[in-house]
């Protein structure tokens, strides 16, 4: 069944208003008409079964037939802090981690990042694109929320923010002792998890020291070195298998 996200403000009194691009997609691309069924999400974990009642004026009015909590959201909220990668790799990272269940993605300016975003106008354009990708991927994968794409952080800001999670760690290619699995399973259940992935050049030693000083451990993902656009997806899949919803 077609699935769309709308702001909470557009759901009231048993009716849902679908506007702009989604309304056009429903009427012109999917060619749905009055009486057709759709699933609408409020972006906060609730799904609404709805029936189209009116189409016109660039918007669609639906009536709610059922409200239920989304069954597609994992029991753990995961935040990915991603060192800014080159070219369009961030597009892929956001799309795939959204499919896998990430809650928040934070781009991070790190020492070895080749890509630099030095002005607010460029950053605003990138954030707008990334948020659209997250929304499209959330619709496709039947998520109950659209992952939050936050503004670019400095490395120091990211480290400070990571300390607020129940569990945080940093996959590091030079770590050869502490495995990711032991980090995920050693401390029981976690409501929030955060991890940081380095850019193409990896972490520099000063960054690793800052992580360890902040009591954020480094972990190994095994004997093979993963690309920055692969690592986040791999780690997220492991999190969902060990403490998420894949094995429930």
C-alpha atoms as a PDB file:
ATOM      1  CA  UNK A   1       0.000   0.000   0.000  1.00  0.00           C
ATOM      2  CA  UNK A   2       1.350   3.497  -0.831  1.00  0.00           C
ATOM      3  CA  UNK A   3       2.957   5.201   2.177  1.00  0.00           C
ATOM      4  CA  UNK A   4       3.461   8.917   2.827  1.00  0.00           C
ATOM      5  CA  UNK A   5       4.742  11.192   5.596  1.00  0.00           C
ATOM      6  CA  UNK A   6       2.907  14.319   6.718  1.00  0.00           C
ATOM      7  CA  UNK A   7       3.491  16.767   9.598  1.00  0.00           C
ATOM      8  CA  UNK A   8       1.488  16.129  12.753  1.00  0.00           C
ATOM      9  CA  UNK A   9      -0.238  19.481  12.242  1.00  0.00           C
ATOM     10  CA  UNK A  10      -1.869  18.097   9.085  1.00  0.00           C
ATOM     11  CA  UNK A  11      -3.601  15.321  11.044  1.00  0.00           C
ATOM     12  CA  UNK A  12      -6.630  16.372  13.076  1.00  0.00           C
ATOM     13  CA  UNK A  13     -10.256  15.489  13.732  1.00  0.00           C
ATOM     14  CA  UNK A  14      -9.934  12.159  11.959  1.00  0.00           C
ATOM     15  CA  UNK A  15      -8.714  13.779   8.743  1.00  0.00           C
ATOM     16  CA  UNK A  16      -5.328  13.988   7.045  1.00  0.00           C
ATOM     17  CA  UNK A  17      -4.193  16.632   4.586  1.00  0.00           C
ATOM     18  CA  UNK A  18      -1.536  15.610   2.058  1.00  0.00           C
ATOM     19  CA  UNK A  19       0.078  18.527   0.218  1.00  0.00           C
ATOM     20  CA  UNK A  20       2.471  19.515  -2.580  1.00  0.00           C
ATOM     21  CA  UNK A  21       4.726  16.874  -4.134  1.00  0.00           C
ATOM     22  CA  UNK A  22       3.148  13.893  -2.424  1.00  0.00           C
ATOM     23  CA  UNK A  23      -0.327  14.998  -3.480  1.00  0.00           C
ATOM     24  CA  UNK A  24       0.823  15.289  -7.088  1.00  0.00           C
ATOM     25  CA  UNK A  25       2.526  11.900  -6.897  1.00  0.00           C
ATOM     26  CA  UNK A  26      -0.637  10.263  -5.583  1.00  0.00           C
ATOM     27  CA  UNK A  27      -2.952  11.731  -8.207  1.00  0.00           C
ATOM     28  CA  UNK A  28      -0.713  11.953 -11.290  1.00  0.00           C
ATOM     29  CA  UNK A  29       1.824   9.150 -10.912  1.00  0.00           C
ATOM     30  CA  UNK A  30       0.005   6.518  -8.860  1.00  0.00           C
ATOM     31  CA  UNK A  31      -3.330   7.663 -10.324  1.00  0.00           C
ATOM     32  CA  UNK A  32      -5.201   7.008  -7.102  1.00  0.00           C
ATOM     33  CA  UNK A  33      -8.662   8.481  -6.746  1.00  0.00           C
ATOM     34  CA  UNK A  34     -11.368   8.978  -4.170  1.00  0.00           C
ATOM     35  CA  UNK A  35     -11.936   5.788  -2.217  1.00  0.00           C
ATOM     36  CA  UNK A  36      -8.344   4.567  -2.620  1.00  0.00           C
ATOM     37  CA  UNK A  37      -6.476   3.456   0.495  1.00  0.00           C
ATOM     38  CA  UNK A  38      -3.114   4.847   1.609  1.00  0.00           C
ATOM     39  CA  UNK A  39      -0.897   4.610   4.665  1.00  0.00           C
ATOM     40  CA  UNK A  40       0.171   7.907   6.199  1.00  0.00           C
ATOM     41  CA  UNK A  41       2.890   8.370   8.835  1.00  0.00           C
ATOM     42  CA  UNK A  42       3.264  11.290  11.206  1.00  0.00           C
ATOM     43  CA  UNK A  43       7.037  10.885  11.415  1.00  0.00           C
ATOM     44  CA  UNK A  44       6.845  10.137  15.150  1.00  0.00           C
ATOM     45  CA  UNK A  45       6.218   6.421  15.019  1.00  0.00           C
ATOM     46  CA  UNK A  46       2.499   6.253  14.266  1.00  0.00           C
ATOM     47  CA  UNK A  47       0.880   4.903  11.101  1.00  0.00           C
ATOM     48  CA  UNK A  48      -2.595   5.847   9.894  1.00  0.00           C
ATOM     49  CA  UNK A  49      -4.678   3.726   7.575  1.00  0.00           C
ATOM     50  CA  UNK A  50      -6.640   6.234   5.513  1.00  0.00           C
ATOM     51  CA  UNK A  51      -9.021   6.558   2.590  1.00  0.00           C
ATOM     52  CA  UNK A  52      -8.859   9.367   0.042  1.00  0.00           C
ATOM     53  CA  UNK A  53     -12.000  11.545   0.206  1.00  0.00           C
ATOM     54  CA  UNK A  54     -11.153  14.675  -1.792  1.00  0.00           C
ATOM     55  CA  UNK A  55      -8.590  15.615  -4.446  1.00  0.00           C
ATOM     56  CA  UNK A  56      -8.121  19.171  -5.636  1.00  0.00           C
ATOM     57  CA  UNK A  57      -6.339  22.459  -5.205  1.00  0.00           C
ATOM     58  CA  UNK A  58      -2.945  20.777  -4.977  1.00  0.00           C
ATOM     59  CA  UNK A  59      -3.864  18.743  -1.909  1.00  0.00           C
ATOM     60  CA  UNK A  60      -5.612  15.550  -0.896  1.00  0.00           C
ATOM     61  CA  UNK A  61      -7.944  15.069   2.054  1.00  0.00           C
ATOM     62  CA  UNK A  62      -8.133  11.606   3.630  1.00  0.00           C
ATOM     63  CA  UNK A  63     -10.226  10.166   6.428  1.00  0.00           C
ATOM     64  CA  UNK A  64      -8.517   8.047   9.085  1.00  0.00           C
ATOM     65  CA  UNK A  65      -9.780   4.493   9.486  1.00  0.00           C
ATOM     66  CA  UNK A  66      -7.136   3.282  11.951  1.00  0.00           C
ATOM     67  CA  UNK A  67      -4.221   4.658  13.976  1.00  0.00           C
ATOM     68  CA  UNK A  68      -1.508   2.301  15.177  1.00  0.00           C
ATOM     69  CA  UNK A  69       2.076   2.425  16.361  1.00  0.00           C
ATOM     70  CA  UNK A  70       4.525   1.612  13.602  1.00  0.00           C
ATOM     71  CA  UNK A  71       5.931  -1.897  13.759  1.00  0.00           C
ATOM     72  CA  UNK A  72       8.947  -1.050  11.608  1.00  0.00           C
ATOM     73  CA  UNK A  73      10.933   0.976  14.153  1.00  0.00           C
ATOM     74  CA  UNK A  74      13.711  -0.726  16.150  1.00  0.00           C
ATOM     75  CA  UNK A  75      13.723  -0.693  19.958  1.00  0.00           C
ATOM     76  CA  UNK A  76      17.062   1.142  19.979  1.00  0.00           C
ATOM     77  CA  UNK A  77      17.700   4.657  18.619  1.00  0.00           C
ATOM     78  CA  UNK A  78      20.974   4.730  16.689  1.00  0.00           C
ATOM     79  CA  UNK A  79      22.904   7.849  15.733  1.00  0.00           C
ATOM     80  CA  UNK A  80      25.588   7.692  13.052  1.00  0.00           C
ATOM     81  CA  UNK A  81      28.286  10.376  13.162  1.00  0.00           C
ATOM     82  CA  UNK A  82      29.740  10.242   9.664  1.00  0.00           C
ATOM     83  CA  UNK A  83      33.020  11.882   8.647  1.00  0.00           C
ATOM     84  CA  UNK A  84      32.238  13.905   5.522  1.00  0.00           C
ATOM     85  CA  UNK A  85      33.012  11.698   2.505  1.00  0.00           C
ATOM     86  CA  UNK A  86      33.868  12.699  -1.043  1.00  0.00           C
ATOM     87  CA  UNK A  87      31.458  13.284  -3.941  1.00  0.00           C
ATOM     88  CA  UNK A  88      27.974  11.783  -3.547  1.00  0.00           C
ATOM     89  CA  UNK A  89      28.886   9.061  -1.048  1.00  0.00           C
ATOM     90  CA  UNK A  90      26.861  10.769   1.686  1.00  0.00           C
ATOM     91  CA  UNK A  91      23.742  10.273  -0.445  1.00  0.00           C
ATOM     92  CA  UNK A  92      24.323   6.520  -0.449  1.00  0.00           C
ATOM     93  CA  UNK A  93      25.170   6.413   3.256  1.00  0.00           C
ATOM     94  CA  UNK A  94      21.955   8.208   4.216  1.00  0.00           C
ATOM     95  CA  UNK A  95      19.807   6.102   1.905  1.00  0.00           C
ATOM     96  CA  UNK A  96      21.164   2.743   3.067  1.00  0.00           C
ATOM     97  CA  UNK A  97      21.346   3.517   6.789  1.00  0.00           C
ATOM     98  CA  UNK A  98      17.769   4.801   6.642  1.00  0.00           C
ATOM     99  CA  UNK A  99      16.702   1.449   5.203  1.00  0.00           C
ATOM    100  CA  UNK A 100      18.584  -0.326   7.985  1.00  0.00           C
ATOM    101  CA  UNK A 101      16.929   1.618  10.815  1.00  0.00           C
ATOM    102  CA  UNK A 102      19.142   4.592  11.746  1.00  0.00           C
ATOM    103  CA  UNK A 103      17.439   7.347  13.768  1.00  0.00           C
ATOM    104  CA  UNK A 104      19.880  10.229  13.288  1.00  0.00           C
ATOM    105  CA  UNK A 105      22.732  10.949  10.875  1.00  0.00           C
ATOM    106  CA  UNK A 106      25.242  13.678  11.724  1.00  0.00           C
ATOM    107  CA  UNK A 107      27.850  14.787   9.149  1.00  0.00           C
ATOM    108  CA  UNK A 108      31.170  15.521  10.866  1.00  0.00           C
ATOM    109  CA  UNK A 109      34.065  17.688   9.665  1.00  0.00           C
ATOM    110  CA  UNK A 110      37.194  15.700  10.557  1.00  0.00           C
ATOM    111  CA  UNK A 111      40.902  16.213  10.142  1.00  0.00           C
ATOM    112  CA  UNK A 112      41.305  13.909   7.134  1.00  0.00           C
ATOM    113  CA  UNK A 113      38.111  14.890   5.312  1.00  0.00           C
ATOM    114  CA  UNK A 114      38.797  15.833   1.704  1.00  0.00           C
ATOM    115  CA  UNK A 115      35.373  17.447   1.374  1.00  0.00           C
ATOM    116  CA  UNK A 116      34.990  20.801   3.120  1.00  0.00           C
ATOM    117  CA  UNK A 117      31.774  22.764   3.548  1.00  0.00           C
ATOM    118  CA  UNK A 118      32.870  26.258   4.503  1.00  0.00           C
ATOM    119  CA  UNK A 119      29.743  28.344   3.994  1.00  0.00           C
ATOM    120  CA  UNK A 120      26.190  28.170   5.300  1.00  0.00           C
ATOM    121  CA  UNK A 121      24.578  28.405   1.850  1.00  0.00           C
ATOM    122  CA  UNK A 122      26.372  25.295   0.598  1.00  0.00           C
ATOM    123  CA  UNK A 123      25.601  23.450   3.813  1.00  0.00           C
ATOM    124  CA  UNK A 124      21.912  24.371   3.575  1.00  0.00           C
ATOM    125  CA  UNK A 125      21.722  22.953   0.037  1.00  0.00           C
ATOM    126  CA  UNK A 126      23.405  19.733   1.078  1.00  0.00           C
ATOM    127  CA  UNK A 127      21.154  19.313   4.118  1.00  0.00           C
ATOM    128  CA  UNK A 128      18.059  19.877   1.995  1.00  0.00           C
ATOM    129  CA  UNK A 129      19.197  17.181  -0.451  1.00  0.00           C
ATOM    130  CA  UNK A 130      20.131  14.724   2.296  1.00  0.00           C
ATOM    131  CA  UNK A 131      16.804  15.211   4.084  1.00  0.00           C
ATOM    132  CA  UNK A 132      14.899  14.535   0.865  1.00  0.00           C
ATOM    133  CA  UNK A 133      16.892  11.332   0.375  1.00  0.00           C
ATOM    134  CA  UNK A 134      16.115  10.269   3.954  1.00  0.00           C
ATOM    135  CA  UNK A 135      12.412  10.874   3.394  1.00  0.00           C
ATOM    136  CA  UNK A 136      12.348   8.903   0.131  1.00  0.00           C
ATOM    137  CA  UNK A 137      14.255   6.009   1.703  1.00  0.00           C
ATOM    138  CA  UNK A 138      11.962   6.030   4.759  1.00  0.00           C
ATOM    139  CA  UNK A 139       8.893   5.793   2.521  1.00  0.00           C
ATOM    140  CA  UNK A 140      10.415   3.003   0.433  1.00  0.00           C
ATOM    141  CA  UNK A 141      11.479   0.943   3.463  1.00  0.00           C
ATOM    142  CA  UNK A 142       8.193   1.557   5.338  1.00  0.00           C
ATOM    143  CA  UNK A 143       9.790   3.333   8.274  1.00  0.00           C
ATOM    144  CA  UNK A 144       7.687   4.928  11.003  1.00  0.00           C
ATOM    145  CA  UNK A 145       9.955   7.968  11.178  1.00  0.00           C
ATOM    146  CA  UNK A 146      12.122   9.992   8.855  1.00  0.00           C
ATOM    147  CA  UNK A 147      15.668   9.920  10.244  1.00  0.00           C
ATOM    148  CA  UNK A 148      16.902  13.305  11.389  1.00  0.00           C
ATOM    149  CA  UNK A 149      19.782  14.729   9.345  1.00  0.00           C
ATOM    150  CA  UNK A 150      21.535  17.252  11.562  1.00  0.00           C
ATOM    151  CA  UNK A 151      23.763  20.164  10.531  1.00  0.00           C
ATOM    152  CA  UNK A 152      27.474  19.498  10.130  1.00  0.00           C
ATOM    153  CA  UNK A 153      29.370  19.233  13.432  1.00  0.00           C
ATOM    154  CA  UNK A 154      33.027  19.651  14.278  1.00  0.00           C
ATOM    155  CA  UNK A 155      34.782  16.575  15.606  1.00  0.00           C
ATOM    156  CA  UNK A 156      34.897  18.000  19.136  1.00  0.00           C
ATOM    157  CA  UNK A 157      31.149  18.709  19.026  1.00  0.00           C
ATOM    158  CA  UNK A 158      30.485  15.160  17.855  1.00  0.00           C
ATOM    159  CA  UNK A 159      32.546  13.643  20.674  1.00  0.00           C
ATOM    160  CA  UNK A 160      30.663  15.703  23.255  1.00  0.00           C
ATOM    161  CA  UNK A 161      27.290  14.713  21.776  1.00  0.00           C
ATOM    162  CA  UNK A 162      28.217  11.020  21.653  1.00  0.00           C
ATOM    163  CA  UNK A 163      28.801  10.984  25.409  1.00  0.00           C
ATOM    164  CA  UNK A 164      25.060  11.494  25.931  1.00  0.00           C
ATOM    165  CA  UNK A 165      24.213   8.058  24.463  1.00  0.00           C
ATOM    166  CA  UNK A 166      23.810   4.928  26.559  1.00  0.00           C
ATOM    167  CA  UNK A 167      26.488   3.296  24.429  1.00  0.00           C
ATOM    168  CA  UNK A 168      28.992   4.936  22.084  1.00  0.00           C
ATOM    169  CA  UNK A 169      32.034   3.633  20.218  1.00  0.00           C
ATOM    170  CA  UNK A 170      34.292   4.241  17.211  1.00  0.00           C
ATOM    171  CA  UNK A 171      35.207   1.518  14.692  1.00  0.00           C
ATOM    172  CA  UNK A 172      38.951   1.935  14.097  1.00  0.00           C
ATOM    173  CA  UNK A 173      41.120   0.019  11.660  1.00  0.00           C
ATOM    174  CA  UNK A 174      44.112  -0.039  14.047  1.00  0.00           C
ATOM    175  CA  UNK A 175      42.157  -1.522  16.944  1.00  0.00           C
ATOM    176  CA  UNK A 176      42.892  -5.248  17.301  1.00  0.00           C
ATOM    177  CA  UNK A 177      41.584  -6.162  20.752  1.00  0.00           C
ATOM    178  CA  UNK A 178      38.066  -4.952  21.517  1.00  0.00           C
ATOM    179  CA  UNK A 179      35.505  -6.400  19.102  1.00  0.00           C
ATOM    180  CA  UNK A 180      32.257  -4.663  18.217  1.00  0.00           C
ATOM    181  CA  UNK A 181      30.214  -7.642  19.408  1.00  0.00           C
ATOM    182  CA  UNK A 182      31.641  -7.456  22.920  1.00  0.00           C
ATOM    183  CA  UNK A 183      30.899  -3.723  23.059  1.00  0.00           C
ATOM    184  CA  UNK A 184      27.284  -4.334  22.043  1.00  0.00           C
ATOM    185  CA  UNK A 185      26.588  -7.223  24.393  1.00  0.00           C
ATOM    186  CA  UNK A 186      28.708  -6.525  27.473  1.00  0.00           C
ATOM    187  CA  UNK A 187      26.550  -3.851  29.108  1.00  0.00           C
ATOM    188  CA  UNK A 188      22.995  -5.162  28.705  1.00  0.00           C
ATOM    189  CA  UNK A 189      20.197  -3.284  26.976  1.00  0.00           C
ATOM    190  CA  UNK A 190      20.653   0.168  25.474  1.00  0.00           C
ATOM    191  CA  UNK A 191      18.020   2.702  24.507  1.00  0.00           C
ATOM    192  CA  UNK A 192      20.426   4.906  22.558  1.00  0.00           C
ATOM    193  CA  UNK A 193      23.580   4.003  20.653  1.00  0.00           C
ATOM    194  CA  UNK A 194      25.967   6.256  18.766  1.00  0.00           C
ATOM    195  CA  UNK A 195      29.058   5.534  16.698  1.00  0.00           C
ATOM    196  CA  UNK A 196      31.408   7.544  14.519  1.00  0.00           C
ATOM    197  CA  UNK A 197      32.876   6.558  11.163  1.00  0.00           C
ATOM    198  CA  UNK A 198      35.978   8.243   9.800  1.00  0.00           C
ATOM    199  CA  UNK A 199      36.252   9.663   6.262  1.00  0.00           C
ATOM    200  CA  UNK A 200      38.279   8.080   3.432  1.00  0.00           C
ATOM    201  CA  UNK A 201      41.550   8.808   5.227  1.00  0.00           C
ATOM    202  CA  UNK A 202      40.325   7.461   8.544  1.00  0.00           C
ATOM    203  CA  UNK A 203      40.916   8.985  11.975  1.00  0.00           C
ATOM    204  CA  UNK A 204      44.113  10.804  12.827  1.00  0.00           C
ATOM    205  CA  UNK A 205      45.869   9.970  16.100  1.00  0.00           C
ATOM    206  CA  UNK A 206      44.753  13.164  17.833  1.00  0.00           C
ATOM    207  CA  UNK A 207      41.117  12.285  17.152  1.00  0.00           C
ATOM    208  CA  UNK A 208      41.589   8.792  18.546  1.00  0.00           C
ATOM    209  CA  UNK A 209      43.127  10.243  21.699  1.00  0.00           C
ATOM    210  CA  UNK A 210      40.171  12.612  22.107  1.00  0.00           C
ATOM    211  CA  UNK A 211      37.746   9.690  21.804  1.00  0.00           C
ATOM    212  CA  UNK A 212      39.583   7.646  24.403  1.00  0.00           C
ATOM    213  CA  UNK A 213      39.887  10.610  26.749  1.00  0.00           C
ATOM    214  CA  UNK A 214      36.101  10.978  26.501  1.00  0.00           C
ATOM    215  CA  UNK A 215      35.721   7.267  27.402  1.00  0.00           C
ATOM    216  CA  UNK A 216      34.478   6.413  23.916  1.00  0.00           C
ATOM    217  CA  UNK A 217      36.164   3.095  23.083  1.00  0.00           C
ATOM    218  CA  UNK A 218      37.541   2.082  19.713  1.00  0.00           C
ATOM    219  CA  UNK A 219      36.442  -1.290  18.338  1.00  0.00           C
ATOM    220  CA  UNK A 220      37.532  -3.579  15.548  1.00  0.00           C
ATOM    221  CA  UNK A 221      35.216  -4.776  12.784  1.00  0.00           C
ATOM    222  CA  UNK A 222      37.532  -7.627  11.832  1.00  0.00           C
ATOM    223  CA  UNK A 223      40.588  -8.155   9.636  1.00  0.00           C
ATOM    224  CA  UNK A 224      39.318  -6.363   6.531  1.00  0.00           C
ATOM    225  CA  UNK A 225      39.359  -2.601   5.999  1.00  0.00           C
ATOM    226  CA  UNK A 226      35.970  -1.210   4.949  1.00  0.00           C
ATOM    227  CA  UNK A 227      35.340   1.889   2.868  1.00  0.00           C
ATOM    228  CA  UNK A 228      33.742   4.802   4.671  1.00  0.00           C
ATOM    229  CA  UNK A 229      30.511   4.327   2.706  1.00  0.00           C
ATOM    230  CA  UNK A 230      30.434   0.624   3.670  1.00  0.00           C
ATOM    231  CA  UNK A 231      31.424   0.816   7.325  1.00  0.00           C
ATOM    232  CA  UNK A 232      28.352   2.648   8.638  1.00  0.00           C
ATOM    233  CA  UNK A 233      25.980   0.244   6.921  1.00  0.00           C
ATOM    234  CA  UNK A 234      27.895  -2.779   8.211  1.00  0.00           C
ATOM    235  CA  UNK A 235      27.968  -1.497  11.784  1.00  0.00           C
ATOM    236  CA  UNK A 236      24.284  -0.617  11.739  1.00  0.00           C
ATOM    237  CA  UNK A 237      23.369  -4.073  10.463  1.00  0.00           C
ATOM    238  CA  UNK A 238      25.424  -5.599  13.295  1.00  0.00           C
ATOM    239  CA  UNK A 239      23.715  -3.382  15.871  1.00  0.00           C
ATOM    240  CA  UNK A 240      20.272  -4.392  14.612  1.00  0.00           C
ATOM    241  CA  UNK A 241      21.247  -8.068  14.731  1.00  0.00           C
ATOM    242  CA  UNK A 242      22.750  -7.980  18.229  1.00  0.00           C
ATOM    243  CA  UNK A 243      20.526  -5.512  20.114  1.00  0.00           C
ATOM    244  CA  UNK A 244      17.968  -4.298  17.619  1.00  0.00           C
ATOM    245  CA  UNK A 245      14.966  -5.981  16.060  1.00  0.00           C
ATOM    246  CA  UNK A 246      16.375  -8.360  13.456  1.00  0.00           C
ATOM    247  CA  UNK A 247      16.491 -11.344  15.831  1.00  0.00           C
ATOM    248  CA  UNK A 248      13.327 -10.613  17.841  1.00  0.00           C
END
